[in-house]
C-alpha atoms as a PDB file:
ATOM      1  CA  UNK A   1       0.000   0.000   0.000  1.00  0.00           C
ATOM      2  CA  UNK A   2       1.477   3.381  -0.987  1.00  0.00           C
ATOM      3  CA  UNK A   3       2.534   5.733   1.778  1.00  0.00           C
ATOM      4  CA  UNK A   4       0.285   8.801   1.359  1.00  0.00           C
ATOM      5  CA  UNK A   5       2.419  10.853   3.747  1.00  0.00           C
ATOM      6  CA  UNK A   6       5.601  10.120   1.791  1.00  0.00           C
ATOM      7  CA  UNK A   7       3.823  10.944  -1.478  1.00  0.00           C
ATOM      8  CA  UNK A   8       2.587  14.251  -0.095  1.00  0.00           C
ATOM      9  CA  UNK A   9       6.046  15.100   1.249  1.00  0.00           C
ATOM     10  CA  UNK A  10       7.673  14.247  -2.098  1.00  0.00           C
ATOM     11  CA  UNK A  11       5.101  16.281  -4.009  1.00  0.00           C
ATOM     12  CA  UNK A  12       5.466  19.294  -1.712  1.00  0.00           C
ATOM     13  CA  UNK A  13       9.219  19.185  -2.277  1.00  0.00           C
ATOM     14  CA  UNK A  14       8.756  18.927  -6.065  1.00  0.00           C
ATOM     15  CA  UNK A  15       6.433  21.936  -6.132  1.00  0.00           C
ATOM     16  CA  UNK A  16       8.734  24.060  -3.953  1.00  0.00           C
ATOM     17  CA  UNK A  17      11.790  23.039  -5.951  1.00  0.00           C
ATOM     18  CA  UNK A  18      10.414  23.473  -9.480  1.00  0.00           C
ATOM     19  CA  UNK A  19       7.436  25.871  -9.458  1.00  0.00           C
ATOM     20  CA  UNK A  20       9.472  28.926 -10.439  1.00  0.00           C
ATOM     21  CA  UNK A  21      11.178  27.068 -13.290  1.00  0.00           C
ATOM     22  CA  UNK A  22       7.841  25.911 -14.703  1.00  0.00           C
ATOM     23  CA  UNK A  23       6.186  29.317 -14.450  1.00  0.00           C
ATOM     24  CA  UNK A  24       9.172  30.835 -16.267  1.00  0.00           C
ATOM     25  CA  UNK A  25       8.993  28.080 -18.889  1.00  0.00           C
ATOM     26  CA  UNK A  26       5.387  28.984 -19.675  1.00  0.00           C
ATOM     27  CA  UNK A  27       5.917  32.756 -19.425  1.00  0.00           C
ATOM     28  CA  UNK A  28       8.633  32.519 -22.059  1.00  0.00           C
ATOM     29  CA  UNK A  29       6.485  30.555 -24.450  1.00  0.00           C
ATOM     30  CA  UNK A  30       2.967  31.851 -24.124  1.00  0.00           C
ATOM     31  CA  UNK A  31       0.676  34.387 -22.550  1.00  0.00           C
ATOM     32  CA  UNK A  32       2.188  35.382 -19.216  1.00  0.00           C
ATOM     33  CA  UNK A  33      -1.233  35.553 -17.597  1.00  0.00           C
ATOM     34  CA  UNK A  34      -1.602  31.804 -18.217  1.00  0.00           C
ATOM     35  CA  UNK A  35       1.830  30.744 -16.911  1.00  0.00           C
ATOM     36  CA  UNK A  36       0.802  29.936 -13.330  1.00  0.00           C
ATOM     37  CA  UNK A  37      -2.335  28.068 -14.397  1.00  0.00           C
ATOM     38  CA  UNK A  38      -0.370  25.996 -16.898  1.00  0.00           C
ATOM     39  CA  UNK A  39       2.290  25.225 -14.289  1.00  0.00           C
ATOM     40  CA  UNK A  40      -0.499  24.110 -11.944  1.00  0.00           C
ATOM     41  CA  UNK A  41      -1.739  21.770 -14.690  1.00  0.00           C
ATOM     42  CA  UNK A  42       1.733  20.215 -14.875  1.00  0.00           C
ATOM     43  CA  UNK A  43       1.789  19.696 -11.118  1.00  0.00           C
ATOM     44  CA  UNK A  44      -1.713  18.215 -11.174  1.00  0.00           C
ATOM     45  CA  UNK A  45      -0.514  15.742 -13.802  1.00  0.00           C
ATOM     46  CA  UNK A  46       2.586  14.995 -11.725  1.00  0.00           C
ATOM     47  CA  UNK A  47       0.423  14.252  -8.707  1.00  0.00           C
ATOM     48  CA  UNK A  48      -1.921  11.992 -10.666  1.00  0.00           C
ATOM     49  CA  UNK A  49       1.020  10.188 -12.270  1.00  0.00           C
ATOM     50  CA  UNK A  50       3.393  10.361  -9.301  1.00  0.00           C
ATOM     51  CA  UNK A  51       4.282   6.679  -9.598  1.00  0.00           C
ATOM     52  CA  UNK A  52       5.475   7.314 -13.183  1.00  0.00           C
ATOM     53  CA  UNK A  53       7.686  10.322 -12.394  1.00  0.00           C
ATOM     54  CA  UNK A  54      11.336   9.219 -12.347  1.00  0.00           C
ATOM     55  CA  UNK A  55      12.753  10.346  -8.998  1.00  0.00           C
ATOM     56  CA  UNK A  56      16.200  10.875 -10.545  1.00  0.00           C
ATOM     57  CA  UNK A  57      14.854  13.104 -13.354  1.00  0.00           C
ATOM     58  CA  UNK A  58      11.860  15.007 -11.999  1.00  0.00           C
ATOM     59  CA  UNK A  59      12.538  18.328 -13.749  1.00  0.00           C
ATOM     60  CA  UNK A  60      13.011  16.811 -17.218  1.00  0.00           C
ATOM     61  CA  UNK A  61       9.754  14.883 -16.718  1.00  0.00           C
ATOM     62  CA  UNK A  62       8.006  18.112 -15.697  1.00  0.00           C
ATOM     63  CA  UNK A  63       9.371  19.936 -18.766  1.00  0.00           C
ATOM     64  CA  UNK A  64       8.259  17.117 -21.055  1.00  0.00           C
ATOM     65  CA  UNK A  65       4.789  17.254 -19.540  1.00  0.00           C
ATOM     66  CA  UNK A  66       4.843  21.059 -19.798  1.00  0.00           C
ATOM     67  CA  UNK A  67       5.524  20.737 -23.519  1.00  0.00           C
ATOM     68  CA  UNK A  68       2.401  18.616 -23.965  1.00  0.00           C
ATOM     69  CA  UNK A  69       0.282  20.927 -21.842  1.00  0.00           C
ATOM     70  CA  UNK A  70       1.520  23.981 -23.728  1.00  0.00           C
ATOM     71  CA  UNK A  71       0.758  22.327 -27.075  1.00  0.00           C
ATOM     72  CA  UNK A  72      -2.786  21.563 -25.911  1.00  0.00           C
ATOM     73  CA  UNK A  73      -3.203  25.109 -24.634  1.00  0.00           C
ATOM     74  CA  UNK A  74      -1.986  26.584 -27.922  1.00  0.00           C
ATOM     75  CA  UNK A  75      -4.405  24.441 -29.892  1.00  0.00           C
ATOM     76  CA  UNK A  76      -7.204  25.991 -27.875  1.00  0.00           C
ATOM     77  CA  UNK A  77      -6.020  29.582 -28.280  1.00  0.00           C
ATOM     78  CA  UNK A  78      -4.055  29.665 -31.519  1.00  0.00           C
ATOM     79  CA  UNK A  79      -0.436  30.739 -31.781  1.00  0.00           C
ATOM     80  CA  UNK A  80       0.760  34.322 -31.736  1.00  0.00           C
ATOM     81  CA  UNK A  81       3.059  34.662 -34.757  1.00  0.00           C
ATOM     82  CA  UNK A  82       6.603  35.692 -33.838  1.00  0.00           C
ATOM     83  CA  UNK A  83       6.282  38.922 -35.809  1.00  0.00           C
ATOM     84  CA  UNK A  84       3.474  39.960 -33.440  1.00  0.00           C
ATOM     85  CA  UNK A  85       5.570  39.624 -30.285  1.00  0.00           C
ATOM     86  CA  UNK A  86       6.070  43.174 -28.951  1.00  0.00           C
ATOM     87  CA  UNK A  87       9.420  44.815 -29.652  1.00  0.00           C
ATOM     88  CA  UNK A  88       9.688  46.027 -26.075  1.00  0.00           C
ATOM     89  CA  UNK A  89       8.361  44.807 -22.813  1.00  0.00           C
ATOM     90  CA  UNK A  90       7.898  46.126 -19.319  1.00  0.00           C
ATOM     91  CA  UNK A  91      10.675  48.196 -17.764  1.00  0.00           C
ATOM     92  CA  UNK A  92      11.912  45.209 -15.755  1.00  0.00           C
ATOM     93  CA  UNK A  93      12.826  43.347 -18.955  1.00  0.00           C
ATOM     94  CA  UNK A  94      16.093  45.291 -19.168  1.00  0.00           C
ATOM     95  CA  UNK A  95      17.063  43.812 -15.794  1.00  0.00           C
ATOM     96  CA  UNK A  96      16.648  40.218 -16.982  1.00  0.00           C
ATOM     97  CA  UNK A  97      18.991  39.117 -19.799  1.00  0.00           C
ATOM     98  CA  UNK A  98      16.785  36.111 -20.639  1.00  0.00           C
ATOM     99  CA  UNK A  99      13.724  38.295 -21.113  1.00  0.00           C
ATOM    100  CA  UNK A 100      15.729  40.956 -22.956  1.00  0.00           C
ATOM    101  CA  UNK A 101      16.625  38.355 -25.561  1.00  0.00           C
ATOM    102  CA  UNK A 102      12.926  37.824 -26.231  1.00  0.00           C
ATOM    103  CA  UNK A 103      12.609  41.380 -27.428  1.00  0.00           C
ATOM    104  CA  UNK A 104      15.587  41.415 -29.751  1.00  0.00           C
ATOM    105  CA  UNK A 105      14.165  41.563 -33.271  1.00  0.00           C
ATOM    106  CA  UNK A 106      17.106  39.849 -34.935  1.00  0.00           C
ATOM    107  CA  UNK A 107      17.104  36.966 -32.504  1.00  0.00           C
ATOM    108  CA  UNK A 108      13.334  36.579 -32.825  1.00  0.00           C
ATOM    109  CA  UNK A 109      13.722  36.510 -36.575  1.00  0.00           C
ATOM    110  CA  UNK A 110      16.496  33.933 -36.492  1.00  0.00           C
ATOM    111  CA  UNK A 111      14.572  31.743 -34.052  1.00  0.00           C
ATOM    112  CA  UNK A 112      11.457  32.044 -36.195  1.00  0.00           C
ATOM    113  CA  UNK A 113      13.340  30.783 -39.219  1.00  0.00           C
ATOM    114  CA  UNK A 114      14.508  27.521 -37.635  1.00  0.00           C
ATOM    115  CA  UNK A 115      12.005  24.702 -37.269  1.00  0.00           C
ATOM    116  CA  UNK A 116       9.760  24.198 -34.264  1.00  0.00           C
ATOM    117  CA  UNK A 117      11.818  21.262 -32.983  1.00  0.00           C
ATOM    118  CA  UNK A 118      15.115  23.168 -33.275  1.00  0.00           C
ATOM    119  CA  UNK A 119      13.586  26.178 -31.536  1.00  0.00           C
ATOM    120  CA  UNK A 120      12.281  23.970 -28.726  1.00  0.00           C
ATOM    121  CA  UNK A 121      15.692  22.341 -28.253  1.00  0.00           C
ATOM    122  CA  UNK A 122      17.519  25.672 -28.273  1.00  0.00           C
ATOM    123  CA  UNK A 123      15.136  27.224 -25.745  1.00  0.00           C
ATOM    124  CA  UNK A 124      15.231  24.210 -23.435  1.00  0.00           C
ATOM    125  CA  UNK A 125      19.007  24.433 -23.495  1.00  0.00           C
ATOM    126  CA  UNK A 126      19.402  28.210 -23.255  1.00  0.00           C
ATOM    127  CA  UNK A 127      16.481  29.169 -21.027  1.00  0.00           C
ATOM    128  CA  UNK A 128      15.921  26.084 -18.924  1.00  0.00           C
ATOM    129  CA  UNK A 129      19.597  25.100 -18.710  1.00  0.00           C
ATOM    130  CA  UNK A 130      19.018  21.547 -19.895  1.00  0.00           C
ATOM    131  CA  UNK A 131      21.862  19.630 -21.422  1.00  0.00           C
ATOM    132  CA  UNK A 132      22.741  16.021 -22.043  1.00  0.00           C
ATOM    133  CA  UNK A 133      20.633  13.505 -20.190  1.00  0.00           C
ATOM    134  CA  UNK A 134      18.001  16.029 -19.089  1.00  0.00           C
ATOM    135  CA  UNK A 135      17.486  17.257 -22.648  1.00  0.00           C
ATOM    136  CA  UNK A 136      17.266  13.647 -23.824  1.00  0.00           C
ATOM    137  CA  UNK A 137      14.623  12.893 -21.191  1.00  0.00           C
ATOM    138  CA  UNK A 138      12.484  15.871 -22.215  1.00  0.00           C
ATOM    139  CA  UNK A 139      12.750  15.009 -25.900  1.00  0.00           C
ATOM    140  CA  UNK A 140      12.232  11.286 -25.338  1.00  0.00           C
ATOM    141  CA  UNK A 141      15.427  10.336 -27.182  1.00  0.00           C
ATOM    142  CA  UNK A 142      18.871   8.981 -26.299  1.00  0.00           C
ATOM    143  CA  UNK A 143      21.628  11.128 -24.800  1.00  0.00           C
ATOM    144  CA  UNK A 144      23.652  10.937 -28.008  1.00  0.00           C
ATOM    145  CA  UNK A 145      20.535  11.828 -30.006  1.00  0.00           C
ATOM    146  CA  UNK A 146      19.950  14.870 -27.793  1.00  0.00           C
ATOM    147  CA  UNK A 147      23.569  15.987 -28.154  1.00  0.00           C
ATOM    148  CA  UNK A 148      23.335  15.634 -31.937  1.00  0.00           C
ATOM    149  CA  UNK A 149      19.968  17.429 -32.055  1.00  0.00           C
ATOM    150  CA  UNK A 150      21.359  20.333 -30.013  1.00  0.00           C
ATOM    151  CA  UNK A 151      24.410  20.552 -32.250  1.00  0.00           C
ATOM    152  CA  UNK A 152      22.248  20.601 -35.400  1.00  0.00           C
ATOM    153  CA  UNK A 153      19.886  23.175 -33.898  1.00  0.00           C
ATOM    154  CA  UNK A 154      22.803  25.431 -32.984  1.00  0.00           C
ATOM    155  CA  UNK A 155      24.196  25.109 -36.511  1.00  0.00           C
ATOM    156  CA  UNK A 156      20.846  26.014 -38.058  1.00  0.00           C
ATOM    157  CA  UNK A 157      20.486  29.007 -35.744  1.00  0.00           C
ATOM    158  CA  UNK A 158      24.006  30.219 -36.620  1.00  0.00           C
ATOM    159  CA  UNK A 159      23.158  29.886 -40.311  1.00  0.00           C
ATOM    160  CA  UNK A 160      19.841  31.704 -39.853  1.00  0.00           C
ATOM    161  CA  UNK A 161      21.534  34.426 -37.825  1.00  0.00           C
ATOM    162  CA  UNK A 162      24.251  34.816 -40.475  1.00  0.00           C
ATOM    163  CA  UNK A 163      21.667  35.096 -43.263  1.00  0.00           C
ATOM    164  CA  UNK A 164      19.836  37.818 -41.362  1.00  0.00           C
ATOM    165  CA  UNK A 165      23.044  39.817 -40.864  1.00  0.00           C
ATOM    166  CA  UNK A 166      24.166  39.539 -44.495  1.00  0.00           C
ATOM    167  CA  UNK A 167      23.001  42.470 -46.554  1.00  0.00           C
END
């Protein structure tokens, strides 16, 4: 019989440890007003599927689940094309290098020109700090496959960036 107290303790720790990372994940990829609700959906899924969450790779599992939840959310709302992302944000954006990058027109353009999968890999690596085994877990592929995918995505971004800077 499962230990409900241990499950609750584990879940409380998971929420405290990873809530900020998940809210940031959603805020970077969709409407900021939805970020906390979407993160709550991930945690609700984690609670329901707590026996399936690998204890040694909780955050990658949460990010993988977040990707599915975000995709479902976007299907309901429809995507905002990259060209419609505002060129400037709130005053606090200048204080946060990660958010500042969002508002750089050239970077947005280069990211828009690589495929969805490459963009996802690059953002998981750059914004969420995932590399190696964690990236592989989120993508559902092998470690060597994740390393190769990241390398290819970086190459495509460099090429897209170079094309945008060539006049």
